[in-house]
Amino acid sequence: MTTITTPAAVTATPAAMPSVHRRALITWLAVYPTITLALALLGPEMGGLPVFVKTLILTVIVVPVSAYLLVPLLMKANQRLAVWARR
């Protein structure tokens, strides 16, 4: 007879995902300020470019910053807030 053991981290239940509405809010909280900042900084330099080029430039900046930096940070903050609120 073979006994299989697994680490506690693997068997622990993952933290509950926030609702789709909360995830949408978190995404918006990451994207809106990033777009606003990018437009404020780059808007004058992009003045004469066609709108599809402006959109390309903005999305090349905003999507990675939001997806890889801001949304994960906001999700962690949301999780900490949820734990704190349960106390």
PDB file of N, CA and C in Angstrom:
ATOM      1  N   MET A   1       0.840  -1.168   0.000  1.00  0.00           N
ATOM      2  CA  MET A   1       0.000   0.000   0.000  1.00  0.00           C
ATOM      3  C   MET A   1       0.888   1.235   0.000  1.00  0.00           C
ATOM      4  N   THR A   2       0.561   2.214  -0.866  1.00  0.00           N
ATOM      5  CA  THR A   2       1.344   3.433  -0.996  1.00  0.00           C
ATOM      6  C   THR A   2       0.567   4.612  -0.433  1.00  0.00           C
ATOM      7  N   THR A   3       1.237   5.410   0.352  1.00  0.00           N
ATOM      8  CA  THR A   3       0.622   6.612   0.903  1.00  0.00           C
ATOM      9  C   THR A   3       1.166   7.816   0.157  1.00  0.00           C
ATOM     10  N   ILE A   4       0.249   8.631  -0.324  1.00  0.00           N
ATOM     11  CA  ILE A   4       0.653   9.840  -1.049  1.00  0.00           C
ATOM     12  C   ILE A   4       0.374  11.038  -0.155  1.00  0.00           C
ATOM     13  N   THR A   5       1.402  11.823   0.047  1.00  0.00           N
ATOM     14  CA  THR A   5       1.227  13.031   0.850  1.00  0.00           C
ATOM     15  C   THR A   5       1.429  14.242  -0.049  1.00  0.00           C
ATOM     16  N   THR A   6       0.722  15.290   0.254  1.00  0.00           N
ATOM     17  CA  THR A   6       0.863  16.526  -0.512  1.00  0.00           C
ATOM     18  C   THR A   6       1.159  17.665   0.443  1.00  0.00           C
ATOM     19  N   PRO A   7       1.868  18.655  -0.034  1.00  0.00           N
ATOM     20  CA  PRO A   7       2.152  19.805   0.831  1.00  0.00           C
ATOM     21  C   PRO A   7       0.863  20.520   1.209  1.00  0.00           C
ATOM     22  N   ALA A   8       0.868  21.142   2.361  1.00  0.00           N
ATOM     23  CA  ALA A   8      -0.323  21.844   2.844  1.00  0.00           C
ATOM     24  C   ALA A   8      -0.732  22.966   1.900  1.00  0.00           C
ATOM     25  N   ALA A   9       0.225  23.619   1.275  1.00  0.00           N
ATOM     26  CA  ALA A   9      -0.099  24.727   0.382  1.00  0.00           C
ATOM     27  C   ALA A   9      -0.909  24.258  -0.823  1.00  0.00           C
ATOM     28  N   VAL A  10      -0.669  23.042  -1.257  1.00  0.00           N
ATOM     29  CA  VAL A  10      -1.383  22.522  -2.415  1.00  0.00           C
ATOM     30  C   VAL A  10      -2.808  22.150  -2.040  1.00  0.00           C
ATOM     31  N   THR A  11      -3.004  21.617  -0.859  1.00  0.00           N
ATOM     32  CA  THR A  11      -4.323  21.158  -0.455  1.00  0.00           C
ATOM     33  C   THR A  11      -5.174  22.254   0.167  1.00  0.00           C
ATOM     34  N   ALA A  12      -4.566  23.377   0.513  1.00  0.00           N
ATOM     35  CA  ALA A  12      -5.335  24.468   1.116  1.00  0.00           C
ATOM     36  C   ALA A  12      -6.307  25.042   0.090  1.00  0.00           C
ATOM     37  N   THR A  13      -7.455  25.463   0.555  1.00  0.00           N
ATOM     38  CA  THR A  13      -8.422  26.038  -0.366  1.00  0.00           C
ATOM     39  C   THR A  13      -7.965  27.429  -0.786  1.00  0.00           C
ATOM     40  N   PRO A  14      -8.084  27.732  -2.068  1.00  0.00           N
ATOM     41  CA  PRO A  14      -7.648  29.047  -2.528  1.00  0.00           C
ATOM     42  C   PRO A  14      -8.602  30.125  -2.018  1.00  0.00           C
ATOM     43  N   ALA A  15      -8.092  31.330  -1.944  1.00  0.00           N
ATOM     44  CA  ALA A  15      -8.941  32.455  -1.524  1.00  0.00           C
ATOM     45  C   ALA A  15     -10.069  32.622  -2.526  1.00  0.00           C
ATOM     46  N   ALA A  16     -11.215  32.947  -2.033  1.00  0.00           N
ATOM     47  CA  ALA A  16     -12.373  33.116  -2.904  1.00  0.00           C
ATOM     48  C   ALA A  16     -12.138  34.279  -3.861  1.00  0.00           C
ATOM     49  N   MET A  17     -12.497  34.055  -5.109  1.00  0.00           N
ATOM     50  CA  MET A  17     -12.378  35.113  -6.109  1.00  0.00           C
ATOM     51  C   MET A  17     -13.463  36.157  -5.849  1.00  0.00           C
ATOM     52  N   PRO A  18     -13.137  37.419  -6.048  1.00  0.00           N
ATOM     53  CA  PRO A  18     -14.173  38.429  -5.914  1.00  0.00           C
ATOM     54  C   PRO A  18     -15.224  38.263  -7.014  1.00  0.00           C
ATOM     55  N   SER A  19     -16.381  38.850  -6.804  1.00  0.00           N
ATOM     56  CA  SER A  19     -17.444  38.751  -7.800  1.00  0.00           C
ATOM     57  C   SER A  19     -17.007  39.413  -9.109  1.00  0.00           C
ATOM     58  N   VAL A  20     -17.709  39.089 -10.161  1.00  0.00           N
ATOM     59  CA  VAL A  20     -17.389  39.677 -11.467  1.00  0.00           C
ATOM     60  C   VAL A  20     -17.540  41.192 -11.413  1.00  0.00           C
ATOM     61  N   HIS A  21     -18.460  41.687 -10.617  1.00  0.00           N
ATOM     62  CA  HIS A  21     -18.654  43.126 -10.508  1.00  0.00           C
ATOM     63  C   HIS A  21     -17.469  43.793  -9.792  1.00  0.00           C
ATOM     64  N   ARG A  22     -16.978  43.146  -8.754  1.00  0.00           N
ATOM     65  CA  ARG A  22     -15.818  43.688  -8.043  1.00  0.00           C
ATOM     66  C   ARG A  22     -14.566  43.613  -8.921  1.00  0.00           C
ATOM     67  N   ARG A  23     -14.405  42.522  -9.681  1.00  0.00           N
ATOM     68  CA  ARG A  23     -13.259  42.423 -10.595  1.00  0.00           C
ATOM     69  C   ARG A  23     -13.330  43.501 -11.667  1.00  0.00           C
ATOM     70  N   ALA A  24     -14.529  43.790 -12.159  1.00  0.00           N
ATOM     71  CA  ALA A  24     -14.687  44.860 -13.152  1.00  0.00           C
ATOM     72  C   ALA A  24     -14.294  46.205 -12.547  1.00  0.00           C
ATOM     73  N   LEU A  25     -14.716  46.456 -11.318  1.00  0.00           N
ATOM     74  CA  LEU A  25     -14.352  47.702 -10.643  1.00  0.00           C
ATOM     75  C   LEU A  25     -12.845  47.787 -10.437  1.00  0.00           C
ATOM     76  N   ILE A  26     -12.238  46.693 -10.018  1.00  0.00           N
ATOM     77  CA  ILE A  26     -10.784  46.669  -9.818  1.00  0.00           C
ATOM     78  C   ILE A  26     -10.061  46.943 -11.132  1.00  0.00           C
ATOM     79  N   THR A  27     -10.523  46.331 -12.211  1.00  0.00           N
ATOM     80  CA  THR A  27      -9.912  46.573 -13.522  1.00  0.00           C
ATOM     81  C   THR A  27     -10.067  48.028 -13.923  1.00  0.00           C
ATOM     82  N   TRP A  28     -11.257  48.588 -13.716  1.00  0.00           N
ATOM     83  CA  TRP A  28     -11.489  49.989 -14.056  1.00  0.00           C
ATOM     84  C   TRP A  28     -10.580  50.897 -13.231  1.00  0.00           C
ATOM     85  N   LEU A  29     -10.422  50.575 -11.937  1.00  0.00           N
ATOM     86  CA  LEU A  29      -9.560  51.381 -11.073  1.00  0.00           C
ATOM     87  C   LEU A  29      -8.096  51.336 -11.526  1.00  0.00           C
ATOM     88  N   ALA A  30      -7.711  50.295 -12.219  1.00  0.00           N
ATOM     89  CA  ALA A  30      -6.355  50.213 -12.750  1.00  0.00           C
ATOM     90  C   ALA A  30      -6.249  50.927 -14.099  1.00  0.00           C
ATOM     91  N   VAL A  31      -7.250  50.739 -14.955  1.00  0.00           N
ATOM     92  CA  VAL A  31      -7.161  51.221 -16.338  1.00  0.00           C
ATOM     93  C   VAL A  31      -7.411  52.726 -16.450  1.00  0.00           C
ATOM     94  N   TYR A  32      -8.444  53.229 -15.804  1.00  0.00           N
ATOM     95  CA  TYR A  32      -8.809  54.639 -15.977  1.00  0.00           C
ATOM     96  C   TYR A  32      -7.681  55.601 -15.608  1.00  0.00           C
ATOM     97  N   PRO A  33      -7.088  55.483 -14.419  1.00  0.00           N
ATOM     98  CA  PRO A  33      -5.997  56.416 -14.094  1.00  0.00           C
ATOM     99  C   PRO A  33      -4.775  56.238 -15.001  1.00  0.00           C
ATOM    100  N   THR A  34      -4.534  55.012 -15.440  1.00  0.00           N
ATOM    101  CA  THR A  34      -3.387  54.778 -16.325  1.00  0.00           C
ATOM    102  C   THR A  34      -3.602  55.448 -17.671  1.00  0.00           C
ATOM    103  N   ILE A  35      -4.801  55.321 -18.219  1.00  0.00           N
ATOM    104  CA  ILE A  35      -5.115  55.997 -19.485  1.00  0.00           C
ATOM    105  C   ILE A  35      -5.033  57.510 -19.307  1.00  0.00           C
ATOM    106  N   THR A  36      -5.601  58.012 -18.213  1.00  0.00           N
ATOM    107  CA  THR A  36      -5.592  59.450 -17.966  1.00  0.00           C
ATOM    108  C   THR A  36      -4.163  59.982 -17.865  1.00  0.00           C
ATOM    109  N   LEU A  37      -3.323  59.283 -17.136  1.00  0.00           N
ATOM    110  CA  LEU A  37      -1.924  59.707 -16.999  1.00  0.00           C
ATOM    111  C   LEU A  37      -1.193  59.638 -18.335  1.00  0.00           C
ATOM    112  N   ALA A  38      -1.393  58.549 -19.072  1.00  0.00           N
ATOM    113  CA  ALA A  38      -0.735  58.406 -20.370  1.00  0.00           C
ATOM    114  C   ALA A  38      -1.180  59.503 -21.332  1.00  0.00           C
ATOM    115  N   LEU A  39      -2.466  59.826 -21.340  1.00  0.00           N
ATOM    116  CA  LEU A  39      -2.957  60.901 -22.204  1.00  0.00           C
ATOM    117  C   LEU A  39      -2.393  62.250 -21.775  1.00  0.00           C
ATOM    118  N   ALA A  40      -2.314  62.485 -20.482  1.00  0.00           N
ATOM    119  CA  ALA A  40      -1.775  63.751 -19.994  1.00  0.00           C
ATOM    120  C   ALA A  40      -0.304  63.914 -20.378  1.00  0.00           C
ATOM    121  N   LEU A  41       0.445  62.819 -20.303  1.00  0.00           N
ATOM    122  CA  LEU A  41       1.877  62.890 -20.605  1.00  0.00           C
ATOM    123  C   LEU A  41       2.169  62.860 -22.097  1.00  0.00           C
ATOM    124  N   LEU A  42       1.425  62.040 -22.832  1.00  0.00           N
ATOM    125  CA  LEU A  42       1.733  61.834 -24.252  1.00  0.00           C
ATOM    126  C   LEU A  42       0.799  62.572 -25.213  1.00  0.00           C
ATOM    127  N   GLY A  43      -0.313  63.085 -24.701  1.00  0.00           N
ATOM    128  CA  GLY A  43      -1.298  63.734 -25.562  1.00  0.00           C
ATOM    129  C   GLY A  43      -0.735  64.804 -26.473  1.00  0.00           C
ATOM    130  N   PRO A  44       0.009  65.761 -25.941  1.00  0.00           N
ATOM    131  CA  PRO A  44       0.539  66.813 -26.816  1.00  0.00           C
ATOM    132  C   PRO A  44       1.486  66.289 -27.897  1.00  0.00           C
ATOM    133  N   GLU A  45       2.272  65.272 -27.573  1.00  0.00           N
ATOM    134  CA  GLU A  45       3.209  64.718 -28.558  1.00  0.00           C
ATOM    135  C   GLU A  45       2.501  63.893 -29.629  1.00  0.00           C
ATOM    136  N   MET A  46       1.304  63.395 -29.313  1.00  0.00           N
ATOM    137  CA  MET A  46       0.572  62.559 -30.267  1.00  0.00           C
ATOM    138  C   MET A  46      -0.482  63.348 -31.033  1.00  0.00           C
ATOM    139  N   GLY A  47      -0.481  64.666 -30.884  1.00  0.00           N
ATOM    140  CA  GLY A  47      -1.526  65.511 -31.447  1.00  0.00           C
ATOM    141  C   GLY A  47      -1.825  65.295 -32.917  1.00  0.00           C
ATOM    142  N   GLY A  48      -0.811  65.153 -33.744  1.00  0.00           N
ATOM    143  CA  GLY A  48      -1.025  65.051 -35.182  1.00  0.00           C
ATOM    144  C   GLY A  48      -1.190  63.636 -35.699  1.00  0.00           C
ATOM    145  N   LEU A  49      -1.126  62.651 -34.830  1.00  0.00           N
ATOM    146  CA  LEU A  49      -1.212  61.258 -35.271  1.00  0.00           C
ATOM    147  C   LEU A  49      -2.664  60.847 -35.505  1.00  0.00           C
ATOM    148  N   PRO A  50      -2.875  59.904 -36.411  1.00  0.00           N
ATOM    149  CA  PRO A  50      -4.233  59.368 -36.586  1.00  0.00           C
ATOM    150  C   PRO A  50      -4.697  58.665 -35.313  1.00  0.00           C
ATOM    151  N   VAL A  51      -6.011  58.636 -35.117  1.00  0.00           N
ATOM    152  CA  VAL A  51      -6.572  58.094 -33.884  1.00  0.00           C
ATOM    153  C   VAL A  51      -6.180  56.633 -33.668  1.00  0.00           C
ATOM    154  N   PHE A  52      -6.082  55.823 -34.731  1.00  0.00           N
ATOM    155  CA  PHE A  52      -5.709  54.415 -34.534  1.00  0.00           C
ATOM    156  C   PHE A  52      -4.272  54.276 -34.064  1.00  0.00           C
ATOM    157  N   VAL A  53      -3.401  55.191 -34.431  1.00  0.00           N
ATOM    158  CA  VAL A  53      -2.012  55.158 -33.953  1.00  0.00           C
ATOM    159  C   VAL A  53      -1.962  55.594 -32.487  1.00  0.00           C
ATOM    160  N   LYS A  54      -2.728  56.623 -32.134  1.00  0.00           N
ATOM    161  CA  LYS A  54      -2.807  57.049 -30.726  1.00  0.00           C
ATOM    162  C   LYS A  54      -3.309  55.898 -29.852  1.00  0.00           C
ATOM    163  N   THR A  55      -4.351  55.226 -30.343  1.00  0.00           N
ATOM    164  CA  THR A  55      -4.912  54.097 -29.591  1.00  0.00           C
ATOM    165  C   THR A  55      -3.886  52.985 -29.447  1.00  0.00           C
ATOM    166  N   LEU A  56      -3.149  52.694 -30.494  1.00  0.00           N
ATOM    167  CA  LEU A  56      -2.106  51.664 -30.437  1.00  0.00           C
ATOM    168  C   LEU A  56      -1.057  52.028 -29.389  1.00  0.00           C
ATOM    169  N   ILE A  57      -0.597  53.257 -29.421  1.00  0.00           N
ATOM    170  CA  ILE A  57       0.423  53.690 -28.460  1.00  0.00           C
ATOM    171  C   ILE A  57      -0.105  53.582 -27.025  1.00  0.00           C
ATOM    172  N   LEU A  58      -1.321  54.065 -26.812  1.00  0.00           N
ATOM    173  CA  LEU A  58      -1.892  54.009 -25.467  1.00  0.00           C
ATOM    174  C   LEU A  58      -2.071  52.576 -24.978  1.00  0.00           C
ATOM    175  N   THR A  59      -2.576  51.695 -25.838  1.00  0.00           N
ATOM    176  CA  THR A  59      -2.804  50.320 -25.396  1.00  0.00           C
ATOM    177  C   THR A  59      -1.504  49.570 -25.160  1.00  0.00           C
ATOM    178  N   VAL A  60      -0.466  49.900 -25.914  1.00  0.00           N
ATOM    179  CA  VAL A  60       0.840  49.257 -25.690  1.00  0.00           C
ATOM    180  C   VAL A  60       1.368  49.608 -24.302  1.00  0.00           C
ATOM    181  N   ILE A  61       1.012  50.785 -23.807  1.00  0.00           N
ATOM    182  CA  ILE A  61       1.448  51.212 -22.475  1.00  0.00           C
ATOM    183  C   ILE A  61       0.471  50.733 -21.397  1.00  0.00           C
ATOM    184  N   VAL A  62      -0.816  50.984 -21.606  1.00  0.00           N
ATOM    185  CA  VAL A  62      -1.820  50.777 -20.566  1.00  0.00           C
ATOM    186  C   VAL A  62      -2.068  49.303 -20.265  1.00  0.00           C
ATOM    187  N   VAL A  63      -2.161  48.465 -21.274  1.00  0.00           N
ATOM    188  CA  VAL A  63      -2.503  47.056 -21.035  1.00  0.00           C
ATOM    189  C   VAL A  63      -1.453  46.343 -20.186  1.00  0.00           C
ATOM    190  N   PRO A  64      -0.173  46.403 -20.527  1.00  0.00           N
ATOM    191  CA  PRO A  64       0.800  45.712 -19.658  1.00  0.00           C
ATOM    192  C   PRO A  64       0.889  46.298 -18.244  1.00  0.00           C
ATOM    193  N   VAL A  65       0.864  47.625 -18.133  1.00  0.00           N
ATOM    194  CA  VAL A  65       0.933  48.246 -16.805  1.00  0.00           C
ATOM    195  C   VAL A  65      -0.250  47.799 -15.950  1.00  0.00           C
ATOM    196  N   SER A  66      -1.430  47.800 -16.562  1.00  0.00           N
ATOM    197  CA  SER A  66      -2.623  47.398 -15.817  1.00  0.00           C
ATOM    198  C   SER A  66      -2.629  45.902 -15.514  1.00  0.00           C
ATOM    199  N   ALA A  67      -2.373  45.089 -16.525  1.00  0.00           N
ATOM    200  CA  ALA A  67      -2.500  43.635 -16.371  1.00  0.00           C
ATOM    201  C   ALA A  67      -1.424  43.028 -15.481  1.00  0.00           C
ATOM    202  N   TYR A  68      -0.201  43.518 -15.589  1.00  0.00           N
ATOM    203  CA  TYR A  68       0.896  42.885 -14.862  1.00  0.00           C
ATOM    204  C   TYR A  68       1.266  43.584 -13.554  1.00  0.00           C
ATOM    205  N   LEU A  69       0.858  44.835 -13.394  1.00  0.00           N
ATOM    206  CA  LEU A  69       1.250  45.564 -12.189  1.00  0.00           C
ATOM    207  C   LEU A  69       0.036  45.985 -11.350  1.00  0.00           C
ATOM    208  N   LEU A  70      -0.844  46.775 -11.929  1.00  0.00           N
ATOM    209  CA  LEU A  70      -1.899  47.398 -11.139  1.00  0.00           C
ATOM    210  C   LEU A  70      -3.010  46.446 -10.726  1.00  0.00           C
ATOM    211  N   VAL A  71      -3.529  45.641 -11.647  1.00  0.00           N
ATOM    212  CA  VAL A  71      -4.613  44.723 -11.288  1.00  0.00           C
ATOM    213  C   VAL A  71      -4.153  43.725 -10.220  1.00  0.00           C
ATOM    214  N   PRO A  72      -2.985  43.097 -10.349  1.00  0.00           N
ATOM    215  CA  PRO A  72      -2.544  42.205  -9.260  1.00  0.00           C
ATOM    216  C   PRO A  72      -2.402  42.926  -7.916  1.00  0.00           C
ATOM    217  N   LEU A  73      -1.877  44.147  -7.929  1.00  0.00           N
ATOM    218  CA  LEU A  73      -1.762  44.897  -6.672  1.00  0.00           C
ATOM    219  C   LEU A  73      -3.140  45.207  -6.075  1.00  0.00           C
ATOM    220  N   LEU A  74      -4.074  45.606  -6.923  1.00  0.00           N
ATOM    221  CA  LEU A  74      -5.415  45.902  -6.441  1.00  0.00           C
ATOM    222  C   LEU A  74      -6.149  44.638  -5.980  1.00  0.00           C
ATOM    223  N   MET A  75      -5.894  43.513  -6.636  1.00  0.00           N
ATOM    224  CA  MET A  75      -6.512  42.252  -6.196  1.00  0.00           C
ATOM    225  C   MET A  75      -5.984  41.863  -4.818  1.00  0.00           C
ATOM    226  N   LYS A  76      -4.685  42.037  -4.587  1.00  0.00           N
ATOM    227  CA  LYS A  76      -4.115  41.749  -3.266  1.00  0.00           C
ATOM    228  C   LYS A  76      -4.700  42.683  -2.215  1.00  0.00           C
ATOM    229  N   ALA A  77      -4.824  43.961  -2.553  1.00  0.00           N
ATOM    230  CA  ALA A  77      -5.411  44.916  -1.624  1.00  0.00           C
ATOM    231  C   ALA A  77      -6.863  44.553  -1.327  1.00  0.00           C
ATOM    232  N   ASN A  78      -7.585  44.115  -2.338  1.00  0.00           N
ATOM    233  CA  ASN A  78      -8.975  43.693  -2.150  1.00  0.00           C
ATOM    234  C   ASN A  78      -9.043  42.484  -1.223  1.00  0.00           C
ATOM    235  N   GLN A  79      -8.131  41.546  -1.395  1.00  0.00           N
ATOM    236  CA  GLN A  79      -8.119  40.355  -0.548  1.00  0.00           C
ATOM    237  C   GLN A  79      -7.824  40.736   0.909  1.00  0.00           C
ATOM    238  N   ARG A  80      -6.858  41.633   1.107  1.00  0.00           N
ATOM    239  CA  ARG A  80      -6.539  42.089   2.470  1.00  0.00           C
ATOM    240  C   ARG A  80      -7.734  42.819   3.075  1.00  0.00           C
ATOM    241  N   LEU A  81      -8.409  43.611   2.276  1.00  0.00           N
ATOM    242  CA  LEU A  81      -9.580  44.343   2.754  1.00  0.00           C
ATOM    243  C   LEU A  81     -10.700  43.362   3.147  1.00  0.00           C
ATOM    244  N   ALA A  82     -10.878  42.314   2.353  1.00  0.00           N
ATOM    245  CA  ALA A  82     -11.909  41.329   2.654  1.00  0.00           C
ATOM    246  C   ALA A  82     -11.582  40.587   3.951  1.00  0.00           C
ATOM    247  N   VAL A  83     -10.337  40.258   4.179  1.00  0.00           N
ATOM    248  CA  VAL A  83      -9.927  39.581   5.415  1.00  0.00           C
ATOM    249  C   VAL A  83     -10.129  40.521   6.587  1.00  0.00           C
ATOM    250  N   TRP A  84      -9.751  41.773   6.431  1.00  0.00           N
ATOM    251  CA  TRP A  84      -9.910  42.760   7.499  1.00  0.00           C
ATOM    252  C   TRP A  84     -11.387  42.972   7.822  1.00  0.00           C
ATOM    253  N   ALA A  85     -12.250  43.001   6.798  1.00  0.00           N
ATOM    254  CA  ALA A  85     -13.676  43.244   7.006  1.00  0.00           C
ATOM    255  C   ALA A  85     -14.354  42.084   7.731  1.00  0.00           C
ATOM    256  N   ARG A  86     -13.806  40.870   7.605  1.00  0.00           N
ATOM    257  CA  ARG A  86     -14.388  39.699   8.278  1.00  0.00           C
ATOM    258  C   ARG A  86     -14.100  39.695   9.765  1.00  0.00           C
ATOM    259  N   ARG A  87     -13.166  40.472  10.222  1.00  0.00           N
ATOM    260  CA  ARG A  87     -12.781  40.466  11.645  1.00  0.00           C
ATOM    261  C   ARG A  87     -13.829  41.091  12.500  1.00  0.00           C
TER     262      ARG A  87
END
